[in-house]
Amino acid sequence: MKITIFACMMLASSMMLAQDPHMHIYRNDGGFTTIHPLSGLETTHNAADSTATFLWNNGETLTLPLGSIDSCLMTMSDIPVLHISLPDYPEATSLWEKDLYLDTELEIAGHGTVEDMNDLTLKIKGRGNSTWEYRKKPMRLKFDKKTSICDFKKSKNYVLLANYLDNTHMKNAITFWLARKLQMEFTNSFLPVDVVMNGHDLGLYLMTEKIGTNSTSVDIDENTGILFELSSEFDENYKFRSEIYELPVMVKDPDFDELYEDDPTGMTPEQRLEMWQKDFNRAEKMAAENQVADAFDINAAVKYFLVNNFAANGDLIFPKSFYMYKENLEEGTKYKLGPVWDFDVCYNLHHYVDGEDYVRPTDDYLWANYLINDIKSNEEFRELYKAEVENLAENILPEMLEFFDSYAALIQPAAKRDGVLWPLEEDYAWAYRTSSYNTEDLVSELREWIEARVQFLLQQAHDDTF
């Protein structure tokens, strides 16, 4: 048996709040006990009956057989807990619809990371495409008016990512961190949270913003600009196939129907779609004819490709969750790739190949769609990309690994609990998923993969083979 006492520094970028110590006791049967607050904690080992007793100054005690304890972890803060109540469905322990908004009451226990909040009212529904098909459901929170929770900027919409296929619960977070470090515009904020629905523990989620044209995401004027999502789902109301490569281009935002209601020019949604379709086809044609820099922002494209190459994001080939935006149709305004999104099945993904577990290698070449290939064939792109990879390897990686270790320590207790709540039972066989209970080993494997991946990207850049 080992007992480990670990003080974890808070990662919140907001003001420091009062510390709220927690003791997490992990048992050999895969269970866990979390106790807080623990002011004045004492731990005694009784050799006579082989037990450990945990005693704190409010008089409460907990006694466990030594043989039942795997490890103990003390943290000086813990991640926030979102307590979700559904008044109309008090027995529900999960969401069951993506298109049905449910009246919701929310309380937030900040646990020393963010401020507590009570008596919040909002609506909630399911979200996601392939991720919705798994048992642990991703969610969307929607307030009637802009509201700040967990120190995020005020917004009507928040997203809770389940990260069901990411048994490290690290991949989206480390990717958002890198995008922010590269100063990519409109990169999502993020915060790990535990979620409880009607008293039922749903485990570890990642809270972030909903991507759209608003002040907390792609902050452009929706009356003049556009946010496209290129995705094989092809399920938005306004969409088209591009002229040259037949890419599935969807209007993510703005809502053309809402614009029509307030548009004094009387431009219909169909006319607005036709206008933007012509503009996108023009940009795609310019990229195909080696005039990339006239239609696309090269610096933004370099950073977008680097982040996706770093993460080995295979969705670029389909494509899926591939965003780009443009502020207006004025001459000289260019499309910018981003924001980045959806990395739970990237990095060292385990999946099935011919019935066997296959781990994506660190030297895996990133296949992308034809538009990306046209953009990265540009000479200016290639020179800037090489410089960014060198900066990543020499300057960013050490700081990234510091963040990686701190974040892993912060979420370790929650990741272990999530591994108990969502064990090995699987719904689909294409991705080899294990529970996150053995989080230390899983995180270590990912860390080693990242270090090796950066060296591969550096070699790629030197060999000009990206």
Foldseek 3Di string as FASTA:
>chain_A
DEEDEDEFDADAPDDFFQWKKKKWWAWPVLDIDIDTDAAAWDWDADPVQQWIWIAGDVGDIDIDHNNGTPYMYMYRFAAKEKEKEQVVCLPDFAADAAPDWGKIFIWIDHRRHADTDGGDIWIKHFDDDVQCPWPQTKMKTAHPFFDDDSNAGTDRIKIWARLQQFLLLCFVVLLLVLCVVLVQPFRKDWGWYWYGYSNRTSFITIMIGDAEDDPNGVPADLLFKFKKWFAPVLPEPQWFQADPQGTTIDTPDDDQVVCCVVPPVNQHSVNVSVVVNVLVNVQLVCLVVLNNVQAEPLSLLLSQVVSCLLFLPQCQARPGRWMWMWRHDDHRTHIGTDDDDDRSCTQQFWFDDPRDTDTQALLDDHDHHPSSVSSCVHPVNLVVNLVVLVCCLPPVVVVSVVVLVSVSSNCLSRQSNQCSVDAQDDDDHGTRGGGNNVNVVSSVVRSVSSNSNSVSSNVCSVVVND
